[in-house]
């Protein structure tokens, strides 16, 4: 069975400083359907935002963010468990840092854990371990983490569910004539040098970190699909029906100008 990684960000998962329960349920419903066709690894954000629902701390300060993440992880996982229980799907939590990908021994260990979970029909839910780690050990955003997870687990494709429909040729908020790239086999020149532009106070990336994730995978002959996480019809069409209606596919297996 083919293996995919689905990454969902804070912009999709949270609303008004709380977990967006309906959107989370929609995501879990999609995963339940996709699991009939693929092994699924979920990379999720949302722990800091979930923690903020219990503690009103300053997330711009390191200790505040770590404390929010510590409080938010069990809230986030409990919310996922309730949703996955509806479909009788078991889950497991895996917290990773950059160091887990730098050590041959460490990487092999989490690869074997994920393999064992998938073999037992359990969905691994991965997040960055920013509670006990130092800034030097962190990716800093889950786009980079999900790309590394996709490569390390030899997944066929990374699906990033975002607050945009895909990657545009220009900023759609500033240009009405902006058009979505349907497929790309390279990242446009200088695009990786733009400033990070998160649209959610609990997000850490923006389009640039997604392009960096795509660039990482393209250089390793892996695929990435960027689409809307608020309306999951695009992801469903792509994954379940094999129809590419909207969204941007980053792949070396296409000729694109």
C-alpha atoms as a PDB file:
ATOM      1  CA  UNK A   1       0.000   0.000   0.000  1.00  0.00           C
ATOM      2  CA  UNK A   2       1.228   3.493  -0.841  1.00  0.00           C
ATOM      3  CA  UNK A   3       2.156   5.815   2.010  1.00  0.00           C
ATOM      4  CA  UNK A   4       1.314   9.498   2.346  1.00  0.00           C
ATOM      5  CA  UNK A   5       1.952  12.277   4.849  1.00  0.00           C
ATOM      6  CA  UNK A   6      -0.812  14.801   5.502  1.00  0.00           C
ATOM      7  CA  UNK A   7       0.220  18.044   7.196  1.00  0.00           C
ATOM      8  CA  UNK A   8      -2.302  20.450   8.692  1.00  0.00           C
ATOM      9  CA  UNK A   9      -1.412  23.844  10.107  1.00  0.00           C
ATOM     10  CA  UNK A  10      -2.692  26.043  12.917  1.00  0.00           C
ATOM     11  CA  UNK A  11      -4.546  28.332  10.514  1.00  0.00           C
ATOM     12  CA  UNK A  12      -6.794  25.411   9.561  1.00  0.00           C
ATOM     13  CA  UNK A  13      -7.015  23.705  12.956  1.00  0.00           C
ATOM     14  CA  UNK A  14      -7.748  26.708  15.153  1.00  0.00           C
ATOM     15  CA  UNK A  15     -10.252  29.523  15.309  1.00  0.00           C
ATOM     16  CA  UNK A  16     -10.612  32.272  17.917  1.00  0.00           C
ATOM     17  CA  UNK A  17      -7.802  30.756  20.011  1.00  0.00           C
ATOM     18  CA  UNK A  18      -9.528  27.375  20.191  1.00  0.00           C
ATOM     19  CA  UNK A  19      -9.448  24.134  18.247  1.00  0.00           C
ATOM     20  CA  UNK A  20     -11.851  24.324  15.295  1.00  0.00           C
ATOM     21  CA  UNK A  21     -13.696  21.107  16.129  1.00  0.00           C
ATOM     22  CA  UNK A  22     -15.740  20.912  12.934  1.00  0.00           C
ATOM     23  CA  UNK A  23     -12.688  21.365  10.719  1.00  0.00           C
ATOM     24  CA  UNK A  24     -10.797  18.771  12.754  1.00  0.00           C
ATOM     25  CA  UNK A  25     -13.702  16.345  12.307  1.00  0.00           C
ATOM     26  CA  UNK A  26     -13.707  17.002   8.562  1.00  0.00           C
ATOM     27  CA  UNK A  27      -9.977  16.253   8.473  1.00  0.00           C
ATOM     28  CA  UNK A  28     -10.382  13.022  10.425  1.00  0.00           C
ATOM     29  CA  UNK A  29     -13.283  12.008   8.152  1.00  0.00           C
ATOM     30  CA  UNK A  30     -11.034  12.547   5.139  1.00  0.00           C
ATOM     31  CA  UNK A  31      -8.237  10.499   6.699  1.00  0.00           C
ATOM     32  CA  UNK A  32     -10.684   7.682   7.466  1.00  0.00           C
ATOM     33  CA  UNK A  33     -11.644   7.566   3.795  1.00  0.00           C
ATOM     34  CA  UNK A  34      -8.091   7.973   2.504  1.00  0.00           C
ATOM     35  CA  UNK A  35      -6.911   5.120   4.786  1.00  0.00           C
ATOM     36  CA  UNK A  36      -8.787   2.684   2.571  1.00  0.00           C
ATOM     37  CA  UNK A  37      -6.260   3.466  -0.152  1.00  0.00           C
ATOM     38  CA  UNK A  38      -3.104   4.667   1.639  1.00  0.00           C
ATOM     39  CA  UNK A  39      -1.147   4.320   4.839  1.00  0.00           C
ATOM     40  CA  UNK A  40      -1.473   7.769   6.433  1.00  0.00           C
ATOM     41  CA  UNK A  41       0.927   9.704   8.657  1.00  0.00           C
ATOM     42  CA  UNK A  42      -0.500  12.930  10.078  1.00  0.00           C
ATOM     43  CA  UNK A  43       1.762  15.883  10.890  1.00  0.00           C
ATOM     44  CA  UNK A  44      -0.198  18.419  12.902  1.00  0.00           C
ATOM     45  CA  UNK A  45       0.236  21.861  14.358  1.00  0.00           C
ATOM     46  CA  UNK A  46      -2.062  23.295  17.007  1.00  0.00           C
ATOM     47  CA  UNK A  47      -0.501  22.438  20.369  1.00  0.00           C
ATOM     48  CA  UNK A  48       0.447  26.025  21.222  1.00  0.00           C
ATOM     49  CA  UNK A  49      -2.957  27.308  20.136  1.00  0.00           C
ATOM     50  CA  UNK A  50      -4.681  24.581  22.135  1.00  0.00           C
ATOM     51  CA  UNK A  51      -2.591  25.520  25.158  1.00  0.00           C
ATOM     52  CA  UNK A  52      -3.680  29.126  24.804  1.00  0.00           C
ATOM     53  CA  UNK A  53      -7.262  28.037  25.389  1.00  0.00           C
ATOM     54  CA  UNK A  54      -6.164  27.019  28.894  1.00  0.00           C
ATOM     55  CA  UNK A  55      -3.374  29.520  29.600  1.00  0.00           C
ATOM     56  CA  UNK A  56      -3.102  33.091  28.350  1.00  0.00           C
ATOM     57  CA  UNK A  57       0.686  33.348  28.094  1.00  0.00           C
ATOM     58  CA  UNK A  58       2.863  35.331  25.712  1.00  0.00           C
ATOM     59  CA  UNK A  59       3.805  32.884  22.958  1.00  0.00           C
ATOM     60  CA  UNK A  60       6.436  35.289  21.598  1.00  0.00           C
ATOM     61  CA  UNK A  61       8.579  34.446  24.630  1.00  0.00           C
ATOM     62  CA  UNK A  62      10.325  31.070  24.589  1.00  0.00           C
ATOM     63  CA  UNK A  63       9.159  29.905  28.027  1.00  0.00           C
ATOM     64  CA  UNK A  64       5.617  31.048  27.245  1.00  0.00           C
ATOM     65  CA  UNK A  65       5.529  29.083  23.981  1.00  0.00           C
ATOM     66  CA  UNK A  66       6.980  25.981  25.620  1.00  0.00           C
ATOM     67  CA  UNK A  67       4.481  26.158  28.471  1.00  0.00           C
ATOM     68  CA  UNK A  68       1.603  26.605  26.032  1.00  0.00           C
ATOM     69  CA  UNK A  69       2.825  23.620  24.013  1.00  0.00           C
ATOM     70  CA  UNK A  70       3.113  21.511  27.173  1.00  0.00           C
ATOM     71  CA  UNK A  71      -0.445  22.368  28.178  1.00  0.00           C
ATOM     72  CA  UNK A  72      -1.751  22.092  24.642  1.00  0.00           C
ATOM     73  CA  UNK A  73      -0.365  18.710  23.567  1.00  0.00           C
ATOM     74  CA  UNK A  74      -2.771  16.622  25.686  1.00  0.00           C
ATOM     75  CA  UNK A  75      -5.695  18.892  24.721  1.00  0.00           C
ATOM     76  CA  UNK A  76      -4.846  18.511  21.036  1.00  0.00           C
ATOM     77  CA  UNK A  77      -4.401  14.744  21.240  1.00  0.00           C
ATOM     78  CA  UNK A  78      -7.596  14.307  23.274  1.00  0.00           C
ATOM     79  CA  UNK A  79      -9.491  16.222  20.594  1.00  0.00           C
ATOM     80  CA  UNK A  80      -8.027  14.027  17.865  1.00  0.00           C
ATOM     81  CA  UNK A  81      -8.807  10.863  19.833  1.00  0.00           C
ATOM     82  CA  UNK A  82     -12.469  11.791  20.189  1.00  0.00           C
ATOM     83  CA  UNK A  83     -12.737  12.334  16.430  1.00  0.00           C
ATOM     84  CA  UNK A  84     -10.797   9.221  15.403  1.00  0.00           C
ATOM     85  CA  UNK A  85     -12.797   7.097  17.871  1.00  0.00           C
ATOM     86  CA  UNK A  86     -15.883   7.820  15.765  1.00  0.00           C
ATOM     87  CA  UNK A  87     -14.235   5.793  12.983  1.00  0.00           C
ATOM     88  CA  UNK A  88     -12.675   3.207  15.317  1.00  0.00           C
ATOM     89  CA  UNK A  89      -9.194   4.378  14.318  1.00  0.00           C
ATOM     90  CA  UNK A  90      -6.378   4.166  16.863  1.00  0.00           C
ATOM     91  CA  UNK A  91      -3.692   6.859  16.992  1.00  0.00           C
ATOM     92  CA  UNK A  92      -0.244   7.349  18.491  1.00  0.00           C
ATOM     93  CA  UNK A  93       1.702  10.526  19.199  1.00  0.00           C
ATOM     94  CA  UNK A  94       5.278  11.038  18.005  1.00  0.00           C
ATOM     95  CA  UNK A  95       7.247  14.188  18.910  1.00  0.00           C
ATOM     96  CA  UNK A  96      10.340  14.921  16.816  1.00  0.00           C
ATOM     97  CA  UNK A  97      13.091  17.521  16.419  1.00  0.00           C
ATOM     98  CA  UNK A  98      15.772  18.144  13.806  1.00  0.00           C
ATOM     99  CA  UNK A  99      18.140  15.969  15.823  1.00  0.00           C
ATOM    100  CA  UNK A 100      15.965  12.941  15.110  1.00  0.00           C
ATOM    101  CA  UNK A 101      16.850  13.298  11.438  1.00  0.00           C
ATOM    102  CA  UNK A 102      20.573  13.924  11.972  1.00  0.00           C
ATOM    103  CA  UNK A 103      21.338  10.729  13.844  1.00  0.00           C
ATOM    104  CA  UNK A 104      21.356   7.476  11.866  1.00  0.00           C
ATOM    105  CA  UNK A 105      20.411   5.585  15.016  1.00  0.00           C
ATOM    106  CA  UNK A 106      17.691   8.047  16.010  1.00  0.00           C
ATOM    107  CA  UNK A 107      16.228   8.229  12.511  1.00  0.00           C
ATOM    108  CA  UNK A 108      16.148   4.454  12.220  1.00  0.00           C
ATOM    109  CA  UNK A 109      14.342   4.216  15.542  1.00  0.00           C
ATOM    110  CA  UNK A 110      11.469   6.523  14.643  1.00  0.00           C
ATOM    111  CA  UNK A 111      11.256   4.960  11.159  1.00  0.00           C
ATOM    112  CA  UNK A 112      10.781   1.557  12.778  1.00  0.00           C
ATOM    113  CA  UNK A 113       8.215   2.950  15.222  1.00  0.00           C
ATOM    114  CA  UNK A 114       6.178   4.507  12.403  1.00  0.00           C
ATOM    115  CA  UNK A 115       6.430   1.295  10.361  1.00  0.00           C
ATOM    116  CA  UNK A 116       5.201  -0.739  13.337  1.00  0.00           C
ATOM    117  CA  UNK A 117       2.294   1.635  13.934  1.00  0.00           C
ATOM    118  CA  UNK A 118       1.190   1.540  10.306  1.00  0.00           C
ATOM    119  CA  UNK A 119       1.514  -2.256  10.170  1.00  0.00           C
ATOM    120  CA  UNK A 120      -0.908  -2.364  13.118  1.00  0.00           C
ATOM    121  CA  UNK A 121      -3.338   0.029  11.427  1.00  0.00           C
ATOM    122  CA  UNK A 122      -2.552   2.889  13.828  1.00  0.00           C
ATOM    123  CA  UNK A 123      -2.302   6.471  12.564  1.00  0.00           C
ATOM    124  CA  UNK A 124       0.917   8.181  13.733  1.00  0.00           C
ATOM    125  CA  UNK A 125       0.279  11.805  14.707  1.00  0.00           C
ATOM    126  CA  UNK A 126       3.539  13.744  14.515  1.00  0.00           C
ATOM    127  CA  UNK A 127       4.341  17.152  15.960  1.00  0.00           C
ATOM    128  CA  UNK A 128       7.520  19.054  16.763  1.00  0.00           C
ATOM    129  CA  UNK A 129       8.861  18.556  20.273  1.00  0.00           C
ATOM    130  CA  UNK A 130       9.373  22.192  21.221  1.00  0.00           C
ATOM    131  CA  UNK A 131       8.861  21.591  24.940  1.00  0.00           C
ATOM    132  CA  UNK A 132      12.241  20.220  26.040  1.00  0.00           C
ATOM    133  CA  UNK A 133      14.301  21.030  22.950  1.00  0.00           C
ATOM    134  CA  UNK A 134      16.561  24.009  22.319  1.00  0.00           C
ATOM    135  CA  UNK A 135      15.992  26.428  19.419  1.00  0.00           C
ATOM    136  CA  UNK A 136      18.914  24.802  17.578  1.00  0.00           C
ATOM    137  CA  UNK A 137      17.116  21.449  17.649  1.00  0.00           C
ATOM    138  CA  UNK A 138      13.878  22.720  16.131  1.00  0.00           C
ATOM    139  CA  UNK A 139      12.725  23.077  12.538  1.00  0.00           C
ATOM    140  CA  UNK A 140      10.622  26.026  13.673  1.00  0.00           C
ATOM    141  CA  UNK A 141       7.662  25.153  11.484  1.00  0.00           C
ATOM    142  CA  UNK A 142       5.810  21.966  10.658  1.00  0.00           C
ATOM    143  CA  UNK A 143       6.126  22.415   6.900  1.00  0.00           C
ATOM    144  CA  UNK A 144       9.819  21.567   7.172  1.00  0.00           C
ATOM    145  CA  UNK A 145       9.094  18.817   9.671  1.00  0.00           C
ATOM    146  CA  UNK A 146       6.488  17.207   7.421  1.00  0.00           C
ATOM    147  CA  UNK A 147       8.827  17.253   4.425  1.00  0.00           C
ATOM    148  CA  UNK A 148      11.529  15.516   6.443  1.00  0.00           C
ATOM    149  CA  UNK A 149       9.017  12.981   7.746  1.00  0.00           C
ATOM    150  CA  UNK A 150       7.804  12.278   4.208  1.00  0.00           C
ATOM    151  CA  UNK A 151      11.348  11.673   2.985  1.00  0.00           C
ATOM    152  CA  UNK A 152      12.550   9.686   6.007  1.00  0.00           C
ATOM    153  CA  UNK A 153       9.518   7.375   5.879  1.00  0.00           C
ATOM    154  CA  UNK A 154       9.791   6.961   2.092  1.00  0.00           C
ATOM    155  CA  UNK A 155       6.254   8.270   1.637  1.00  0.00           C
ATOM    156  CA  UNK A 156       4.980   8.711  -1.891  1.00  0.00           C
ATOM    157  CA  UNK A 157       3.711  12.247  -1.403  1.00  0.00           C
ATOM    158  CA  UNK A 158       3.288  15.032   1.158  1.00  0.00           C
ATOM    159  CA  UNK A 159      -0.118  16.726   1.246  1.00  0.00           C
ATOM    160  CA  UNK A 160      -0.061  20.177   2.854  1.00  0.00           C
ATOM    161  CA  UNK A 161      -3.479  21.474   3.884  1.00  0.00           C
ATOM    162  CA  UNK A 162      -3.255  25.247   4.097  1.00  0.00           C
ATOM    163  CA  UNK A 163      -5.337  28.414   4.154  1.00  0.00           C
ATOM    164  CA  UNK A 164      -4.792  28.913   0.415  1.00  0.00           C
ATOM    165  CA  UNK A 165      -5.954  26.992  -2.659  1.00  0.00           C
ATOM    166  CA  UNK A 166      -2.437  26.476  -4.010  1.00  0.00           C
ATOM    167  CA  UNK A 167       0.674  28.367  -5.086  1.00  0.00           C
ATOM    168  CA  UNK A 168      -0.048  31.432  -7.203  1.00  0.00           C
ATOM    169  CA  UNK A 169       2.082  33.238  -9.766  1.00  0.00           C
ATOM    170  CA  UNK A 170       1.579  36.405  -7.694  1.00  0.00           C
ATOM    171  CA  UNK A 171      -0.004  37.358  -4.366  1.00  0.00           C
ATOM    172  CA  UNK A 172      -3.782  36.762  -4.795  1.00  0.00           C
ATOM    173  CA  UNK A 173      -4.537  39.219  -1.975  1.00  0.00           C
ATOM    174  CA  UNK A 174      -2.940  42.002  -3.984  1.00  0.00           C
ATOM    175  CA  UNK A 175      -3.638  40.911  -7.571  1.00  0.00           C
ATOM    176  CA  UNK A 176      -7.069  39.920  -8.865  1.00  0.00           C
ATOM    177  CA  UNK A 177      -5.498  38.279 -11.910  1.00  0.00           C
ATOM    178  CA  UNK A 178      -3.307  35.915  -9.863  1.00  0.00           C
ATOM    179  CA  UNK A 179      -3.358  32.360 -11.195  1.00  0.00           C
ATOM    180  CA  UNK A 180      -2.630  29.084  -9.443  1.00  0.00           C
ATOM    181  CA  UNK A 181       0.173  26.902 -10.728  1.00  0.00           C
ATOM    182  CA  UNK A 182      -1.362  23.489 -11.370  1.00  0.00           C
ATOM    183  CA  UNK A 183       2.033  21.769 -11.396  1.00  0.00           C
ATOM    184  CA  UNK A 184       5.649  22.817 -10.860  1.00  0.00           C
ATOM    185  CA  UNK A 185       8.917  20.925 -11.193  1.00  0.00           C
ATOM    186  CA  UNK A 186      10.996  23.721  -9.665  1.00  0.00           C
ATOM    187  CA  UNK A 187      10.611  26.610  -7.254  1.00  0.00           C
ATOM    188  CA  UNK A 188      10.618  30.047  -8.947  1.00  0.00           C
ATOM    189  CA  UNK A 189      13.818  32.019  -8.575  1.00  0.00           C
ATOM    190  CA  UNK A 190      14.083  34.104  -5.386  1.00  0.00           C
ATOM    191  CA  UNK A 191      10.760  32.745  -4.026  1.00  0.00           C
ATOM    192  CA  UNK A 192      12.599  31.012  -1.194  1.00  0.00           C
ATOM    193  CA  UNK A 193      14.131  34.324  -0.105  1.00  0.00           C
ATOM    194  CA  UNK A 194      10.829  36.088   0.585  1.00  0.00           C
ATOM    195  CA  UNK A 195       9.777  36.885   4.128  1.00  0.00           C
ATOM    196  CA  UNK A 196       7.664  34.413   6.086  1.00  0.00           C
ATOM    197  CA  UNK A 197       4.009  35.459   5.894  1.00  0.00           C
ATOM    198  CA  UNK A 198       1.901  33.507   8.423  1.00  0.00           C
ATOM    199  CA  UNK A 199      -1.755  34.558   8.307  1.00  0.00           C
ATOM    200  CA  UNK A 200      -2.600  33.173  11.735  1.00  0.00           C
ATOM    201  CA  UNK A 201      -1.127  34.385  15.057  1.00  0.00           C
ATOM    202  CA  UNK A 202      -0.276  30.792  16.007  1.00  0.00           C
ATOM    203  CA  UNK A 203       1.200  29.869  12.619  1.00  0.00           C
ATOM    204  CA  UNK A 204       4.969  29.933  12.127  1.00  0.00           C
ATOM    205  CA  UNK A 205       5.369  29.755   8.374  1.00  0.00           C
ATOM    206  CA  UNK A 206       3.419  31.037   5.426  1.00  0.00           C
ATOM    207  CA  UNK A 207       3.918  30.295   1.751  1.00  0.00           C
ATOM    208  CA  UNK A 208       7.726  30.481   1.943  1.00  0.00           C
ATOM    209  CA  UNK A 209       8.056  27.557   4.361  1.00  0.00           C
ATOM    210  CA  UNK A 210       5.760  25.505   2.120  1.00  0.00           C
ATOM    211  CA  UNK A 211       7.952  26.291  -0.883  1.00  0.00           C
ATOM    212  CA  UNK A 212      11.009  25.276   1.134  1.00  0.00           C
ATOM    213  CA  UNK A 213       9.290  21.987   1.952  1.00  0.00           C
ATOM    214  CA  UNK A 214       8.517  21.484  -1.740  1.00  0.00           C
ATOM    215  CA  UNK A 215      12.093  22.363  -2.714  1.00  0.00           C
ATOM    216  CA  UNK A 216      13.442  19.853  -0.168  1.00  0.00           C
ATOM    217  CA  UNK A 217      11.283  17.076  -1.612  1.00  0.00           C
ATOM    218  CA  UNK A 218      11.831  17.936  -5.278  1.00  0.00           C
ATOM    219  CA  UNK A 219      15.598  17.695  -4.745  1.00  0.00           C
ATOM    220  CA  UNK A 220      14.997  14.162  -3.421  1.00  0.00           C
ATOM    221  CA  UNK A 221      12.607  13.181  -6.216  1.00  0.00           C
ATOM    222  CA  UNK A 222       9.560  13.241  -3.963  1.00  0.00           C
ATOM    223  CA  UNK A 223       6.179  14.891  -4.529  1.00  0.00           C
ATOM    224  CA  UNK A 224       4.183  17.488  -2.628  1.00  0.00           C
ATOM    225  CA  UNK A 225       0.609  18.687  -3.101  1.00  0.00           C
ATOM    226  CA  UNK A 226      -0.518  22.041  -1.678  1.00  0.00           C
ATOM    227  CA  UNK A 227      -4.230  22.686  -1.329  1.00  0.00           C
ATOM    228  CA  UNK A 228      -6.952  24.216   0.827  1.00  0.00           C
ATOM    229  CA  UNK A 229      -7.546  22.761   4.278  1.00  0.00           C
ATOM    230  CA  UNK A 230     -10.768  24.645   4.953  1.00  0.00           C
ATOM    231  CA  UNK A 231     -12.524  23.005   1.998  1.00  0.00           C
ATOM    232  CA  UNK A 232     -11.218  19.445   1.750  1.00  0.00           C
ATOM    233  CA  UNK A 233     -12.962  18.659  -1.534  1.00  0.00           C
ATOM    234  CA  UNK A 234      -9.742  19.333  -3.456  1.00  0.00           C
ATOM    235  CA  UNK A 235      -7.726  16.972  -1.273  1.00  0.00           C
ATOM    236  CA  UNK A 236     -10.449  14.337  -1.498  1.00  0.00           C
ATOM    237  CA  UNK A 237     -10.631  14.573  -5.293  1.00  0.00           C
ATOM    238  CA  UNK A 238      -6.851  14.304  -5.567  1.00  0.00           C
ATOM    239  CA  UNK A 239      -6.367  11.446  -3.102  1.00  0.00           C
ATOM    240  CA  UNK A 240      -9.558   9.421  -3.408  1.00  0.00           C
ATOM    241  CA  UNK A 241     -10.725  10.067  -6.973  1.00  0.00           C
ATOM    242  CA  UNK A 242      -7.300  10.649  -8.588  1.00  0.00           C
ATOM    243  CA  UNK A 243      -8.575  13.945 -10.008  1.00  0.00           C
ATOM    244  CA  UNK A 244      -6.421  17.063  -9.908  1.00  0.00           C
ATOM    245  CA  UNK A 245      -9.051  19.811  -9.943  1.00  0.00           C
ATOM    246  CA  UNK A 246      -7.385  22.518  -7.863  1.00  0.00           C
ATOM    247  CA  UNK A 247      -4.210  22.839  -5.804  1.00  0.00           C
ATOM    248  CA  UNK A 248      -0.540  22.789  -6.833  1.00  0.00           C
ATOM    249  CA  UNK A 249       1.383  19.581  -7.433  1.00  0.00           C
ATOM    250  CA  UNK A 250       5.155  19.831  -7.009  1.00  0.00           C
ATOM    251  CA  UNK A 251       6.730  16.934  -8.893  1.00  0.00           C
ATOM    252  CA  UNK A 252       9.707  16.110 -11.097  1.00  0.00           C
ATOM    253  CA  UNK A 253       7.497  13.869 -13.225  1.00  0.00           C
ATOM    254  CA  UNK A 254       6.011  16.643 -15.317  1.00  0.00           C
ATOM    255  CA  UNK A 255       7.220  19.152 -17.874  1.00  0.00           C
ATOM    256  CA  UNK A 256       6.225  22.629 -16.771  1.00  0.00           C
ATOM    257  CA  UNK A 257       7.501  25.944 -18.092  1.00  0.00           C
END
